[in-house]
Amino acid sequence: MDTDTAPSWNLLELYQTEWCPASRRVRQRMTELDVTYVARQVPVEREERVELRLRAATDSIPTLVCEGGEVLVGEDEILTYLDERFPAPDGAEAHRLKAIKARKRELEEAARCLEPATH
């Protein structure tokens, strides 16, 4: 296999949670850019994020640990890095539009659950 086209097994690591809106937006952008990464879940409470502090010297999410060990903290810093490093593939816009539709549907379902009972 040509070393210029061989896949890298040294993956990006995203420290995040499912409930964090910034983490969701970073995951979405990584999907749009077709970036392979490892999602590392962190505890809800900051003081319990021992692994994240040891690995990245922070307890903030989202945090991205890059292939060379560089640590990026926060949505803006991570998104800037991704957009500078990974060109958008042909399917990026389709992913974005699908995500918008899915998010709208999710919010509509949540709103229905919050509606007061009428009987």
PDB file of N, CA and C in Angstrom:
ATOM      1  N   MET A   1       0.846  -1.180   0.000  1.00  0.00           N
ATOM      2  CA  MET A   1       0.000   0.000   0.000  1.00  0.00           C
ATOM      3  C   MET A   1       0.885   1.235   0.000  1.00  0.00           C
ATOM      4  N   ASP A   2       0.527   2.213  -0.785  1.00  0.00           N
ATOM      5  CA  ASP A   2       1.254   3.473  -0.850  1.00  0.00           C
ATOM      6  C   ASP A   2       1.106   4.206   0.481  1.00  0.00           C
ATOM      7  N   THR A   3       2.226   4.630   1.072  1.00  0.00           N
ATOM      8  CA  THR A   3       2.167   5.286   2.376  1.00  0.00           C
ATOM      9  C   THR A   3       1.473   6.638   2.314  1.00  0.00           C
ATOM     10  N   ASP A   4       1.404   7.269   1.138  1.00  0.00           N
ATOM     11  CA  ASP A   4       0.710   8.547   1.019  1.00  0.00           C
ATOM     12  C   ASP A   4      -0.803   8.384   1.097  1.00  0.00           C
ATOM     13  N   THR A   5      -1.320   7.210   0.769  1.00  0.00           N
ATOM     14  CA  THR A   5      -2.763   6.991   0.793  1.00  0.00           C
ATOM     15  C   THR A   5      -3.184   6.029   1.892  1.00  0.00           C
ATOM     16  N   ALA A   6      -2.245   5.531   2.683  1.00  0.00           N
ATOM     17  CA  ALA A   6      -2.573   4.602   3.761  1.00  0.00           C
ATOM     18  C   ALA A   6      -3.363   5.337   4.847  1.00  0.00           C
ATOM     19  N   PRO A   7      -4.396   4.681   5.407  1.00  0.00           N
ATOM     20  CA  PRO A   7      -5.172   5.337   6.459  1.00  0.00           C
ATOM     21  C   PRO A   7      -4.331   5.514   7.716  1.00  0.00           C
ATOM     22  N   SER A   8      -4.619   6.586   8.436  1.00  0.00           N
ATOM     23  CA  SER A   8      -3.952   6.839   9.703  1.00  0.00           C
ATOM     24  C   SER A   8      -4.779   6.230  10.817  1.00  0.00           C
ATOM     25  N   TRP A   9      -4.163   5.440  11.658  1.00  0.00           N
ATOM     26  CA  TRP A   9      -4.871   4.823  12.773  1.00  0.00           C
ATOM     27  C   TRP A   9      -4.703   5.652  14.037  1.00  0.00           C
ATOM     28  N   ASN A  10      -4.013   6.749  13.940  1.00  0.00           N
ATOM     29  CA  ASN A  10      -3.848   7.662  15.058  1.00  0.00           C
ATOM     30  C   ASN A  10      -4.997   8.676  14.982  1.00  0.00           C
ATOM     31  N   LEU A  11      -6.138   8.323  15.559  1.00  0.00           N
ATOM     32  CA  LEU A  11      -7.359   9.089  15.377  1.00  0.00           C
ATOM     33  C   LEU A  11      -7.458  10.299  16.285  1.00  0.00           C
ATOM     34  N   LEU A  12      -8.284  11.238  15.853  1.00  0.00           N
ATOM     35  CA  LEU A  12      -8.655  12.368  16.688  1.00  0.00           C
ATOM     36  C   LEU A  12      -9.532  11.849  17.829  1.00  0.00           C
ATOM     37  N   GLU A  13      -9.410  12.468  18.987  1.00  0.00           N
ATOM     38  CA  GLU A  13     -10.231  12.084  20.139  1.00  0.00           C
ATOM     39  C   GLU A  13     -11.056  13.280  20.568  1.00  0.00           C
ATOM     40  N   LEU A  14     -12.373  13.117  20.567  1.00  0.00           N
ATOM     41  CA  LEU A  14     -13.272  14.185  20.971  1.00  0.00           C
ATOM     42  C   LEU A  14     -13.840  13.854  22.341  1.00  0.00           C
ATOM     43  N   TYR A  15     -13.482  14.662  23.326  1.00  0.00           N
ATOM     44  CA  TYR A  15     -14.050  14.538  24.665  1.00  0.00           C
ATOM     45  C   TYR A  15     -15.305  15.387  24.689  1.00  0.00           C
ATOM     46  N   GLN A  16     -16.446  14.745  25.014  1.00  0.00           N
ATOM     47  CA  GLN A  16     -17.730  15.403  24.837  1.00  0.00           C
ATOM     48  C   GLN A  16     -18.815  14.685  25.623  1.00  0.00           C
ATOM     49  N   THR A  17     -20.020  15.247  25.552  1.00  0.00           N
ATOM     50  CA  THR A  17     -21.209  14.588  26.086  1.00  0.00           C
ATOM     51  C   THR A  17     -22.329  14.729  25.062  1.00  0.00           C
ATOM     52  N   GLU A  18     -23.311  13.867  25.173  1.00  0.00           N
ATOM     53  CA  GLU A  18     -24.444  13.916  24.250  1.00  0.00           C
ATOM     54  C   GLU A  18     -25.353  15.103  24.543  1.00  0.00           C
ATOM     55  N   TRP A  19     -25.405  15.568  25.776  1.00  0.00           N
ATOM     56  CA  TRP A  19     -26.308  16.663  26.137  1.00  0.00           C
ATOM     57  C   TRP A  19     -25.743  18.047  25.839  1.00  0.00           C
ATOM     58  N   CYS A  20     -24.475  18.141  25.501  1.00  0.00           N
ATOM     59  CA  CYS A  20     -23.823  19.439  25.288  1.00  0.00           C
ATOM     60  C   CYS A  20     -24.065  19.925  23.853  1.00  0.00           C
ATOM     61  N   PRO A  21     -24.728  21.077  23.678  1.00  0.00           N
ATOM     62  CA  PRO A  21     -24.993  21.587  22.325  1.00  0.00           C
ATOM     63  C   PRO A  21     -23.716  21.845  21.515  1.00  0.00           C
ATOM     64  N   ALA A  22     -22.667  22.350  22.155  1.00  0.00           N
ATOM     65  CA  ALA A  22     -21.409  22.596  21.433  1.00  0.00           C
ATOM     66  C   ALA A  22     -20.800  21.282  20.971  1.00  0.00           C
ATOM     67  N   SER A  23     -20.862  20.252  21.804  1.00  0.00           N
ATOM     68  CA  SER A  23     -20.357  18.931  21.409  1.00  0.00           C
ATOM     69  C   SER A  23     -21.135  18.404  20.212  1.00  0.00           C
ATOM     70  N   ARG A  24     -22.460  18.590  20.238  1.00  0.00           N
ATOM     71  CA  ARG A  24     -23.292  18.131  19.121  1.00  0.00           C
ATOM     72  C   ARG A  24     -22.898  18.836  17.830  1.00  0.00           C
ATOM     73  N   ARG A  25     -22.664  20.137  17.901  1.00  0.00           N
ATOM     74  CA  ARG A  25     -22.283  20.881  16.686  1.00  0.00           C
ATOM     75  C   ARG A  25     -20.913  20.443  16.164  1.00  0.00           C
ATOM     76  N   VAL A  26     -19.981  20.142  17.059  1.00  0.00           N
ATOM     77  CA  VAL A  26     -18.667  19.653  16.623  1.00  0.00           C
ATOM     78  C   VAL A  26     -18.808  18.275  15.983  1.00  0.00           C
ATOM     79  N   ARG A  27     -19.582  17.382  16.614  1.00  0.00           N
ATOM     80  CA  ARG A  27     -19.802  16.052  16.020  1.00  0.00           C
ATOM     81  C   ARG A  27     -20.431  16.181  14.640  1.00  0.00           C
ATOM     82  N   GLN A  28     -21.393  17.078  14.506  1.00  0.00           N
ATOM     83  CA  GLN A  28     -22.057  17.280  13.216  1.00  0.00           C
ATOM     84  C   GLN A  28     -21.050  17.737  12.166  1.00  0.00           C
ATOM     85  N   ARG A  29     -20.195  18.680  12.515  1.00  0.00           N
ATOM     86  CA  ARG A  29     -19.208  19.174  11.533  1.00  0.00           C
ATOM     87  C   ARG A  29     -18.229  18.065  11.155  1.00  0.00           C
ATOM     88  N   MET A  30     -17.841  17.248  12.123  1.00  0.00           N
ATOM     89  CA  MET A  30     -16.927  16.146  11.817  1.00  0.00           C
ATOM     90  C   MET A  30     -17.597  15.145  10.874  1.00  0.00           C
ATOM     91  N   THR A  31     -18.893  14.931  11.055  1.00  0.00           N
ATOM     92  CA  THR A  31     -19.639  14.053  10.147  1.00  0.00           C
ATOM     93  C   THR A  31     -19.682  14.657   8.754  1.00  0.00           C
ATOM     94  N   GLU A  32     -19.998  15.958   8.670  1.00  0.00           N
ATOM     95  CA  GLU A  32     -20.042  16.636   7.372  1.00  0.00           C
ATOM     96  C   GLU A  32     -18.710  16.530   6.632  1.00  0.00           C
ATOM     97  N   LEU A  33     -17.614  16.631   7.384  1.00  0.00           N
ATOM     98  CA  LEU A  33     -16.278  16.600   6.776  1.00  0.00           C
ATOM     99  C   LEU A  33     -15.747  15.179   6.597  1.00  0.00           C
ATOM    100  N   ASP A  34     -16.541  14.187   7.001  1.00  0.00           N
ATOM    101  CA  ASP A  34     -16.156  12.780   6.879  1.00  0.00           C
ATOM    102  C   ASP A  34     -14.868  12.488   7.662  1.00  0.00           C
ATOM    103  N   VAL A  35     -14.788  13.045   8.860  1.00  0.00           N
ATOM    104  CA  VAL A  35     -13.622  12.861   9.727  1.00  0.00           C
ATOM    105  C   VAL A  35     -13.888  11.687  10.669  1.00  0.00           C
ATOM    106  N   THR A  36     -12.960  10.748  10.700  1.00  0.00           N
ATOM    107  CA  THR A  36     -13.054   9.628  11.621  1.00  0.00           C
ATOM    108  C   THR A  36     -12.438  10.043  12.949  1.00  0.00           C
ATOM    109  N   TYR A  37     -13.145   9.756  14.037  1.00  0.00           N
ATOM    110  CA  TYR A  37     -12.669  10.153  15.359  1.00  0.00           C
ATOM    111  C   TYR A  37     -13.203   9.192  16.409  1.00  0.00           C
ATOM    112  N   VAL A  38     -12.638   9.289  17.592  1.00  0.00           N
ATOM    113  CA  VAL A  38     -13.104   8.522  18.737  1.00  0.00           C
ATOM    114  C   VAL A  38     -13.822   9.498  19.663  1.00  0.00           C
ATOM    115  N   ALA A  39     -15.070   9.188  20.003  1.00  0.00           N
ATOM    116  CA  ALA A  39     -15.824  10.014  20.946  1.00  0.00           C
ATOM    117  C   ALA A  39     -15.595   9.469  22.346  1.00  0.00           C
ATOM    118  N   ARG A  40     -15.117  10.317  23.221  1.00  0.00           N
ATOM    119  CA  ARG A  40     -14.881   9.942  24.613  1.00  0.00           C
ATOM    120  C   ARG A  40     -15.895  10.685  25.480  1.00  0.00           C
ATOM    121  N   GLN A  41     -16.760   9.927  26.131  1.00  0.00           N
ATOM    122  CA  GLN A  41     -17.759  10.515  27.009  1.00  0.00           C
ATOM    123  C   GLN A  41     -17.095  10.981  28.301  1.00  0.00           C
ATOM    124  N   VAL A  42     -17.535  12.113  28.808  1.00  0.00           N
ATOM    125  CA  VAL A  42     -16.998  12.623  30.070  1.00  0.00           C
ATOM    126  C   VAL A  42     -18.122  12.692  31.091  1.00  0.00           C
ATOM    127  N   PRO A  43     -17.775  12.636  32.375  1.00  0.00           N
ATOM    128  CA  PRO A  43     -18.791  12.768  33.414  1.00  0.00           C
ATOM    129  C   PRO A  43     -19.451  14.150  33.375  1.00  0.00           C
ATOM    130  N   VAL A  44     -20.656  14.221  33.891  1.00  0.00           N
ATOM    131  CA  VAL A  44     -21.399  15.482  33.939  1.00  0.00           C
ATOM    132  C   VAL A  44     -20.658  16.496  34.806  1.00  0.00           C
ATOM    133  N   GLU A  45     -20.234  16.075  35.967  1.00  0.00           N
ATOM    134  CA  GLU A  45     -19.583  16.983  36.920  1.00  0.00           C
ATOM    135  C   GLU A  45     -18.124  17.210  36.543  1.00  0.00           C
ATOM    136  N   ARG A  46     -17.732  18.470  36.469  1.00  0.00           N
ATOM    137  CA  ARG A  46     -16.358  18.820  36.083  1.00  0.00           C
ATOM    138  C   ARG A  46     -15.312  18.159  36.980  1.00  0.00           C
ATOM    139  N   GLU A  47     -15.572  18.136  38.273  1.00  0.00           N
ATOM    140  CA  GLU A  47     -14.569  17.583  39.197  1.00  0.00           C
ATOM    141  C   GLU A  47     -14.353  16.085  38.997  1.00  0.00           C
ATOM    142  N   GLU A  48     -15.249  15.428  38.275  1.00  0.00           N
ATOM    143  CA  GLU A  48     -15.110  13.991  38.003  1.00  0.00           C
ATOM    144  C   GLU A  48     -14.422  13.704  36.667  1.00  0.00           C
ATOM    145  N   ARG A  49     -14.041  14.712  35.945  1.00  0.00           N
ATOM    146  CA  ARG A  49     -13.431  14.534  34.620  1.00  0.00           C
ATOM    147  C   ARG A  49     -11.921  14.341  34.729  1.00  0.00           C
ATOM    148  N   VAL A  50     -11.534  13.350  35.485  1.00  0.00           N
ATOM    149  CA  VAL A  50     -10.120  13.089  35.770  1.00  0.00           C
ATOM    150  C   VAL A  50      -9.365  12.723  34.495  1.00  0.00           C
ATOM    151  N   GLU A  51      -9.909  11.808  33.702  1.00  0.00           N
ATOM    152  CA  GLU A  51      -9.234  11.375  32.472  1.00  0.00           C
ATOM    153  C   GLU A  51      -8.993  12.555  31.534  1.00  0.00           C
ATOM    154  N   LEU A  52      -9.992  13.414  31.388  1.00  0.00           N
ATOM    155  CA  LEU A  52      -9.856  14.577  30.514  1.00  0.00           C
ATOM    156  C   LEU A  52      -8.769  15.519  31.026  1.00  0.00           C
ATOM    157  N   ARG A  53      -8.739  15.762  32.316  1.00  0.00           N
ATOM    158  CA  ARG A  53      -7.699  16.644  32.877  1.00  0.00           C
ATOM    159  C   ARG A  53      -6.308  16.043  32.685  1.00  0.00           C
ATOM    160  N   LEU A  54      -6.183  14.725  32.888  1.00  0.00           N
ATOM    161  CA  LEU A  54      -4.879  14.077  32.703  1.00  0.00           C
ATOM    162  C   LEU A  54      -4.436  14.110  31.240  1.00  0.00           C
ATOM    163  N   ARG A  55      -5.365  13.904  30.337  1.00  0.00           N
ATOM    164  CA  ARG A  55      -5.044  13.820  28.905  1.00  0.00           C
ATOM    165  C   ARG A  55      -4.843  15.193  28.265  1.00  0.00           C
ATOM    166  N   ALA A  56      -5.657  16.192  28.704  1.00  0.00           N
ATOM    167  CA  ALA A  56      -5.683  17.459  27.984  1.00  0.00           C
ATOM    168  C   ALA A  56      -5.486  18.684  28.868  1.00  0.00           C
ATOM    169  N   ALA A  57      -5.294  18.483  30.154  1.00  0.00           N
ATOM    170  CA  ALA A  57      -5.083  19.591  31.105  1.00  0.00           C
ATOM    171  C   ALA A  57      -6.253  20.579  31.108  1.00  0.00           C
ATOM    172  N   THR A  58      -7.475  20.060  30.945  1.00  0.00           N
ATOM    173  CA  THR A  58      -8.683  20.876  30.996  1.00  0.00           C
ATOM    174  C   THR A  58      -9.836  20.007  31.457  1.00  0.00           C
ATOM    175  N   ASP A  59     -10.897  20.650  31.891  1.00  0.00           N
ATOM    176  CA  ASP A  59     -12.121  19.900  32.198  1.00  0.00           C
ATOM    177  C   ASP A  59     -13.293  20.429  31.379  1.00  0.00           C
ATOM    178  N   SER A  60     -12.991  21.238  30.367  1.00  0.00           N
ATOM    179  CA  SER A  60     -14.013  21.835  29.508  1.00  0.00           C
ATOM    180  C   SER A  60     -14.291  20.952  28.297  1.00  0.00           C
ATOM    181  N   ILE A  61     -15.553  20.992  27.856  1.00  0.00           N
ATOM    182  CA  ILE A  61     -15.942  20.265  26.653  1.00  0.00           C
ATOM    183  C   ILE A  61     -16.630  21.228  25.706  1.00  0.00           C
ATOM    184  N   PRO A  62     -16.569  20.932  24.432  1.00  0.00           N
ATOM    185  CA  PRO A  62     -15.825  19.847  23.814  1.00  0.00           C
ATOM    186  C   PRO A  62     -14.323  20.147  23.795  1.00  0.00           C
ATOM    187  N   THR A  63     -13.549  19.074  23.866  1.00  0.00           N
ATOM    188  CA  THR A  63     -12.094  19.153  23.733  1.00  0.00           C
ATOM    189  C   THR A  63     -11.672  18.134  22.688  1.00  0.00           C
ATOM    190  N   LEU A  64     -10.821  18.555  21.770  1.00  0.00           N
ATOM    191  CA  LEU A  64     -10.313  17.669  20.728  1.00  0.00           C
ATOM    192  C   LEU A  64      -8.827  17.472  20.926  1.00  0.00           C
ATOM    193  N   VAL A  65      -8.406  16.199  21.035  1.00  0.00           N
ATOM    194  CA  VAL A  65      -6.989  15.875  21.092  1.00  0.00           C
ATOM    195  C   VAL A  65      -6.610  15.392  19.698  1.00  0.00           C
ATOM    196  N   CYS A  66      -5.699  16.123  19.079  1.00  0.00           N
ATOM    197  CA  CYS A  66      -5.309  15.863  17.692  1.00  0.00           C
ATOM    198  C   CYS A  66      -4.250  14.772  17.609  1.00  0.00           C
ATOM    199  N   GLU A  67      -3.983  14.344  16.382  1.00  0.00           N
ATOM    200  CA  GLU A  67      -3.058  13.243  16.131  1.00  0.00           C
ATOM    201  C   GLU A  67      -1.678  13.478  16.722  1.00  0.00           C
ATOM    202  N   GLY A  68      -1.186  14.690  16.692  1.00  0.00           N
ATOM    203  CA  GLY A  68       0.133  14.994  17.228  1.00  0.00           C
ATOM    204  C   GLY A  68       0.131  15.333  18.708  1.00  0.00           C
ATOM    205  N   GLY A  69      -1.038  15.232  19.347  1.00  0.00           N
ATOM    206  CA  GLY A  69      -1.144  15.545  20.759  1.00  0.00           C
ATOM    207  C   GLY A  69      -1.607  16.959  21.043  1.00  0.00           C
ATOM    208  N   GLU A  70      -1.764  17.782  19.986  1.00  0.00           N
ATOM    209  CA  GLU A  70      -2.267  19.144  20.179  1.00  0.00           C
ATOM    210  C   GLU A  70      -3.677  19.077  20.771  1.00  0.00           C
ATOM    211  N   VAL A  71      -3.958  19.959  21.719  1.00  0.00           N
ATOM    212  CA  VAL A  71      -5.256  19.989  22.386  1.00  0.00           C
ATOM    213  C   VAL A  71      -5.991  21.262  21.993  1.00  0.00           C
ATOM    214  N   LEU A  72      -7.227  21.088  21.530  1.00  0.00           N
ATOM    215  CA  LEU A  72      -8.078  22.219  21.168  1.00  0.00           C
ATOM    216  C   LEU A  72      -9.297  22.197  22.089  1.00  0.00           C
ATOM    217  N   VAL A  73      -9.574  23.330  22.716  1.00  0.00           N
ATOM    218  CA  VAL A  73     -10.671  23.402  23.680  1.00  0.00           C
ATOM    219  C   VAL A  73     -11.715  24.387  23.198  1.00  0.00           C
ATOM    220  N   GLY A  74     -12.942  23.940  23.168  1.00  0.00           N
ATOM    221  CA  GLY A  74     -14.056  24.805  22.809  1.00  0.00           C
ATOM    222  C   GLY A  74     -14.466  24.659  21.360  1.00  0.00           C
ATOM    223  N   GLU A  75     -15.738  24.894  21.137  1.00  0.00           N
ATOM    224  CA  GLU A  75     -16.333  24.729  19.812  1.00  0.00           C
ATOM    225  C   GLU A  75     -15.653  25.576  18.746  1.00  0.00           C
ATOM    226  N   ASP A  76     -15.448  26.857  19.009  1.00  0.00           N
ATOM    227  CA  ASP A  76     -14.874  27.742  17.990  1.00  0.00           C
ATOM    228  C   ASP A  76     -13.481  27.295  17.562  1.00  0.00           C
ATOM    229  N   GLU A  77     -12.642  26.966  18.539  1.00  0.00           N
ATOM    230  CA  GLU A  77     -11.270  26.546  18.230  1.00  0.00           C
ATOM    231  C   GLU A  77     -11.265  25.236  17.440  1.00  0.00           C
ATOM    232  N   ILE A  78     -12.125  24.313  17.831  1.00  0.00           N
ATOM    233  CA  ILE A  78     -12.188  23.015  17.153  1.00  0.00           C
ATOM    234  C   ILE A  78     -12.718  23.178  15.729  1.00  0.00           C
ATOM    235  N   LEU A  79     -13.794  23.934  15.566  1.00  0.00           N
ATOM    236  CA  LEU A  79     -14.370  24.112  14.226  1.00  0.00           C
ATOM    237  C   LEU A  79     -13.404  24.817  13.288  1.00  0.00           C
ATOM    238  N   THR A  80     -12.670  25.794  13.786  1.00  0.00           N
ATOM    239  CA  THR A  80     -11.665  26.476  12.961  1.00  0.00           C
ATOM    240  C   THR A  80     -10.605  25.483  12.504  1.00  0.00           C
ATOM    241  N   TYR A  81     -10.113  24.657  13.413  1.00  0.00           N
ATOM    242  CA  TYR A  81      -9.112  23.635  13.085  1.00  0.00           C
ATOM    243  C   TYR A  81      -9.649  22.687  12.015  1.00  0.00           C
ATOM    244  N   LEU A  82     -10.868  22.187  12.225  1.00  0.00           N
ATOM    245  CA  LEU A  82     -11.445  21.232  11.274  1.00  0.00           C
ATOM    246  C   LEU A  82     -11.591  21.844   9.889  1.00  0.00           C
ATOM    247  N   ASP A  83     -12.107  23.066   9.833  1.00  0.00           N
ATOM    248  CA  ASP A  83     -12.322  23.707   8.536  1.00  0.00           C
ATOM    249  C   ASP A  83     -11.015  24.033   7.824  1.00  0.00           C
ATOM    250  N   GLU A  84      -9.956  24.300   8.577  1.00  0.00           N
ATOM    251  CA  GLU A  84      -8.644  24.567   7.963  1.00  0.00           C
ATOM    252  C   GLU A  84      -7.954  23.281   7.518  1.00  0.00           C
ATOM    253  N   ARG A  85      -8.202  22.198   8.193  1.00  0.00           N
ATOM    254  CA  ARG A  85      -7.475  20.952   7.952  1.00  0.00           C
ATOM    255  C   ARG A  85      -8.169  19.995   6.991  1.00  0.00           C
ATOM    256  N   PHE A  86      -9.498  19.980   7.004  1.00  0.00           N
ATOM    257  CA  PHE A  86     -10.240  18.986   6.228  1.00  0.00           C
ATOM    258  C   PHE A  86     -11.121  19.670   5.188  1.00  0.00           C
ATOM    259  N   PRO A  87     -10.859  19.420   3.913  1.00  0.00           N
ATOM    260  CA  PRO A  87     -11.718  19.998   2.875  1.00  0.00           C
ATOM    261  C   PRO A  87     -13.107  19.345   2.918  1.00  0.00           C
ATOM    262  N   ALA A  88     -14.118  20.133   2.639  1.00  0.00           N
ATOM    263  CA  ALA A  88     -15.485  19.609   2.651  1.00  0.00           C
ATOM    264  C   ALA A  88     -15.692  18.671   1.465  1.00  0.00           C
ATOM    265  N   PRO A  89     -16.098  17.450   1.720  1.00  0.00           N
ATOM    266  CA  PRO A  89     -16.365  16.511   0.617  1.00  0.00           C
ATOM    267  C   PRO A  89     -17.685  16.860  -0.065  1.00  0.00           C
ATOM    268  N   ASP A  90     -17.950  16.214  -1.181  1.00  0.00           N
ATOM    269  CA  ASP A  90     -19.167  16.475  -1.949  1.00  0.00           C
ATOM    270  C   ASP A  90     -20.437  16.310  -1.119  1.00  0.00           C
ATOM    271  N   GLY A  91     -20.451  15.381  -0.179  1.00  0.00           N
ATOM    272  CA  GLY A  91     -21.667  15.102   0.592  1.00  0.00           C
ATOM    273  C   GLY A  91     -21.867  15.972   1.813  1.00  0.00           C
ATOM    274  N   ALA A  92     -20.992  16.934   2.058  1.00  0.00           N
ATOM    275  CA  ALA A  92     -21.083  17.743   3.278  1.00  0.00           C
ATOM    276  C   ALA A  92     -22.403  18.493   3.377  1.00  0.00           C
ATOM    277  N   GLU A  93     -22.832  19.110   2.303  1.00  0.00           N
ATOM    278  CA  GLU A  93     -24.085  19.878   2.322  1.00  0.00           C
ATOM    279  C   GLU A  93     -25.283  18.968   2.562  1.00  0.00           C
ATOM    280  N   ALA A  94     -25.276  17.780   1.969  1.00  0.00           N
ATOM    281  CA  ALA A  94     -26.372  16.830   2.176  1.00  0.00           C
ATOM    282  C   ALA A  94     -26.446  16.423   3.649  1.00  0.00           C
ATOM    283  N   HIS A  95     -25.303  16.187   4.281  1.00  0.00           N
ATOM    284  CA  HIS A  95     -25.283  15.878   5.722  1.00  0.00           C
ATOM    285  C   HIS A  95     -25.865  17.036   6.520  1.00  0.00           C
ATOM    286  N   ARG A  96     -25.467  18.254   6.190  1.00  0.00           N
ATOM    287  CA  ARG A  96     -25.928  19.435   6.918  1.00  0.00           C
ATOM    288  C   ARG A  96     -27.451  19.573   6.813  1.00  0.00           C
ATOM    289  N   LEU A  97     -27.990  19.425   5.602  1.00  0.00           N
ATOM    290  CA  LEU A  97     -29.433  19.553   5.403  1.00  0.00           C
ATOM    291  C   LEU A  97     -30.200  18.451   6.134  1.00  0.00           C
ATOM    292  N   LYS A  98     -29.683  17.244   6.097  1.00  0.00           N
ATOM    293  CA  LYS A  98     -30.320  16.127   6.799  1.00  0.00           C
ATOM    294  C   LYS A  98     -30.321  16.381   8.301  1.00  0.00           C
ATOM    295  N   ALA A  99     -29.220  16.916   8.820  1.00  0.00           N
ATOM    296  CA  ALA A  99     -29.121  17.209  10.247  1.00  0.00           C
ATOM    297  C   ALA A  99     -30.115  18.295  10.648  1.00  0.00           C
ATOM    298  N   ILE A 100     -30.297  19.281   9.807  1.00  0.00           N
ATOM    299  CA  ILE A 100     -31.254  20.358  10.094  1.00  0.00           C
ATOM    300  C   ILE A 100     -32.670  19.783  10.178  1.00  0.00           C
ATOM    301  N   LYS A 101     -33.027  18.935   9.232  1.00  0.00           N
ATOM    302  CA  LYS A 101     -34.351  18.309   9.246  1.00  0.00           C
ATOM    303  C   LYS A 101     -34.537  17.441  10.491  1.00  0.00           C
ATOM    304  N   ALA A 102     -33.521  16.653  10.823  1.00  0.00           N
ATOM    305  CA  ALA A 102     -33.614  15.776  11.987  1.00  0.00           C
ATOM    306  C   ALA A 102     -33.728  16.583  13.275  1.00  0.00           C
ATOM    307  N   ARG A 103     -32.975  17.659  13.379  1.00  0.00           N
ATOM    308  CA  ARG A 103     -33.015  18.509  14.578  1.00  0.00           C
ATOM    309  C   ARG A 103     -34.384  19.173  14.706  1.00  0.00           C
ATOM    310  N   LYS A 104     -34.944  19.633  13.588  1.00  0.00           N
ATOM    311  CA  LYS A 104     -36.267  20.251  13.605  1.00  0.00           C
ATOM    312  C   LYS A 104     -37.305  19.247  14.091  1.00  0.00           C
ATOM    313  N   ARG A 105     -37.242  18.034  13.570  1.00  0.00           N
ATOM    314  CA  ARG A 105     -38.168  16.972  13.970  1.00  0.00           C
ATOM    315  C   ARG A 105     -38.019  16.663  15.465  1.00  0.00           C
ATOM    316  N   GLU A 106     -36.782  16.607  15.937  1.00  0.00           N
ATOM    317  CA  GLU A 106     -36.517  16.336  17.349  1.00  0.00           C
ATOM    318  C   GLU A 106     -37.114  17.435  18.233  1.00  0.00           C
ATOM    319  N   LEU A 107     -36.941  18.682  17.841  1.00  0.00           N
ATOM    320  CA  LEU A 107     -37.476  19.802  18.620  1.00  0.00           C
ATOM    321  C   LEU A 107     -39.006  19.811  18.598  1.00  0.00           C
ATOM    322  N   GLU A 108     -39.596  19.484  17.466  1.00  0.00           N
ATOM    323  CA  GLU A 108     -41.055  19.417  17.372  1.00  0.00           C
ATOM    324  C   GLU A 108     -41.607  18.320  18.275  1.00  0.00           C
ATOM    325  N   GLU A 109     -40.936  17.176  18.319  1.00  0.00           N
ATOM    326  CA  GLU A 109     -41.361  16.083  19.196  1.00  0.00           C
ATOM    327  C   GLU A 109     -41.246  16.489  20.662  1.00  0.00           C
ATOM    328  N   ALA A 110     -40.173  17.163  21.010  1.00  0.00           N
ATOM    329  CA  ALA A 110     -39.985  17.613  22.388  1.00  0.00           C
ATOM    330  C   ALA A 110     -41.066  18.623  22.767  1.00  0.00           C
ATOM    331  N   ALA A 111     -41.409  19.507  21.844  1.00  0.00           N
ATOM    332  CA  ALA A 111     -42.449  20.501  22.118  1.00  0.00           C
ATOM    333  C   ALA A 111     -43.799  19.829  22.344  1.00  0.00           C
ATOM    334  N   ARG A 112     -44.099  18.791  21.568  1.00  0.00           N
ATOM    335  CA  ARG A 112     -45.361  18.056  21.757  1.00  0.00           C
ATOM    336  C   ARG A 112     -45.420  17.412  23.136  1.00  0.00           C
ATOM    337  N   CYS A 113     -44.303  16.933  23.616  1.00  0.00           N
ATOM    338  CA  CYS A 113     -44.250  16.310  24.929  1.00  0.00           C
ATOM    339  C   CYS A 113     -44.497  17.323  26.043  1.00  0.00           C
ATOM    340  N   LEU A 114     -44.198  18.581  25.785  1.00  0.00           N
ATOM    341  CA  LEU A 114     -44.358  19.627  26.785  1.00  0.00           C
ATOM    342  C   LEU A 114     -45.735  20.284  26.767  1.00  0.00           C
ATOM    343  N   GLU A 115     -46.532  19.974  25.748  1.00  0.00           N
ATOM    344  CA  GLU A 115     -47.861  20.567  25.653  1.00  0.00           C
ATOM    345  C   GLU A 115     -48.740  20.058  26.791  1.00  0.00           C
ATOM    346  N   PRO A 116     -49.545  20.961  27.394  1.00  0.00           N
ATOM    347  CA  PRO A 116     -50.424  20.513  28.484  1.00  0.00           C
ATOM    348  C   PRO A 116     -51.521  19.588  27.959  1.00  0.00           C
ATOM    349  N   ALA A 117     -51.931  18.674  28.792  1.00  0.00           N
ATOM    350  CA  ALA A 117     -52.998  17.751  28.428  1.00  0.00           C
ATOM    351  C   ALA A 117     -54.308  18.529  28.270  1.00  0.00           C
ATOM    352  N   THR A 118     -55.128  18.143  27.289  1.00  0.00           N
ATOM    353  CA  THR A 118     -56.370  18.866  27.024  1.00  0.00           C
ATOM    354  C   THR A 118     -57.592  18.089  27.482  1.00  0.00           C
ATOM    355  N   HIS A 119     -57.443  17.008  28.151  1.00  0.00           N
ATOM    356  CA  HIS A 119     -58.621  16.234  28.582  1.00  0.00           C
ATOM    357  C   HIS A 119     -58.787  16.274  30.063  1.00  0.00           C
TER     358      HIS A 119
END
